[in-house]
Amino acid sequence: MTTSGAAKLLRRPEEPRAGFLELFFDLVFVFALANLSHGLVEHLTWREAFQTLVLLLALWAIWSRTAGITDRLDPKQPPVQVLVMATMFGTLVMAAAAPEAFRERGLLFAGVYVATEIGRYVVLVLILSGHDAQRLFLRLLVWSGVSAVPWIAGAVAQDTARSVLWTLAVAVEYAAIPLSFRAPRLGRAITAEFAVSGEHAAERFQQLFIIALGELILITGLTYSGSGFGAASGAATAIGFATTALLWRIYIHRAGQLLAEAIAAASDPVRVGTLAIHAHLVMVAGIIAIAVGDELVIEHPFGHTDPALIAVILGGPALFLAGRALFEYGVFSRVSRNRLIGFGVLAACSPPMILLPPLVVATAAALVLAGIAVSDAARARKRPPEPPSPPR
């Protein structure tokens, strides 16, 4: 069942590439990720880390579902552009409120989140009236309405109650995926409703990853500019930049370049796409932790090293490697041994690192990443390029 008006809003199969509107939308996530990391720097505790994760999950849901919308709808159409711009503004407000969202800005963050999610699905349901694509957005609207209850309830609650309710809210958001967005009278979404362009999805993930690295560069540069340009701060900045370059190199090695082909070759493209979503979420969480560590190391290269600082300096790369391993599994159905070894080395060296200054700890993390990058390059020279073989 289709209507000509709604059909005009759909992206044509011959236009799979990400457009300028989507790149523009991504710019707000430089600010969002930087604000999340800055808020964690100000309050580096386990509780704050958990709260930052909850906020990241909310912002990630906005990004990933916007990517899904622009995969189905044509970004050149004015209604789609207005919708994406409105989502971008809502994300900007949420990002601005994020550092104080668990304190005095809770209602602002949750209210804008709910208004952004429900508002855009209401618009999509209306403009796609009579088209088969409307059913998926009806399901998304139902699930957004369910999650809105704990979001708003948490916003008017305090302290632990807010953390519990907002954790429930994001749990509802992410539980919808394995449940195929099952909704009353609508059933569950069929595979065809989730069908995505492999090329478009791969480009969106690559662009988002570069945006995340851009946030890391921004934090490193701004911190160094206010550090007094001492030798120790300069060394810490060099280590921070090297770490960023190594993250880029490890990401693009094979799997990062073959996601589109993997989705196209998969017997279940939705599964591969879902693995990619989760893998990039973990990698971005690792990058936020690395940004926090870089800022603190540049500011105090020979300061006191406590467990929380160890957690971000070594835990950030470990999170990145865990996400990268999941990504590799989605493309090749296996995980390279050097990822597992690197993860193990970072975990094993964490306890004794508390006796060393932050600059040495950051150097150790960079050396582990360098070893993985060198191992990747050596293996690539000895073997022919490996085609994608996604899990079945």
Foldseek 3Di string as FASTA:
>chain_A
DADPQLVQFWDDPVPQADDPLLLVLLLLVLLLLLLLLVLCLVPLDPVSLLLSLLLLLLLLLLSVVLLQVCQTTPCVDVVNSVLSVLSSVLSNQLSVCSSQCQDLCVQVNLVSSLCSQLVSLVVSLVSRPPHPLNLLSVLSNVLSVVLSVLSNVLSPDHDPSVSVSSVVSSVSVVVCVVLQSADPPSGHDDLVSSDGQQNNLLNSLVSSVVSLLVSLLVLLVVLCVPQPVDPQLVLLSVLSVLLSVLLVLLCCLQLSVARNVLLVPDPRSSVLSVLLSVLSSLLSSLSSLCSSLSNVCSNFVQDQADLSSLCSLLVSLLSNLVSSQSSLCQFAVGGDPLSVVLNVVSVVCSPVCNVGGSNVSNNVNSVSSVVVSVVSVVVPVVDPRDGTDGDD
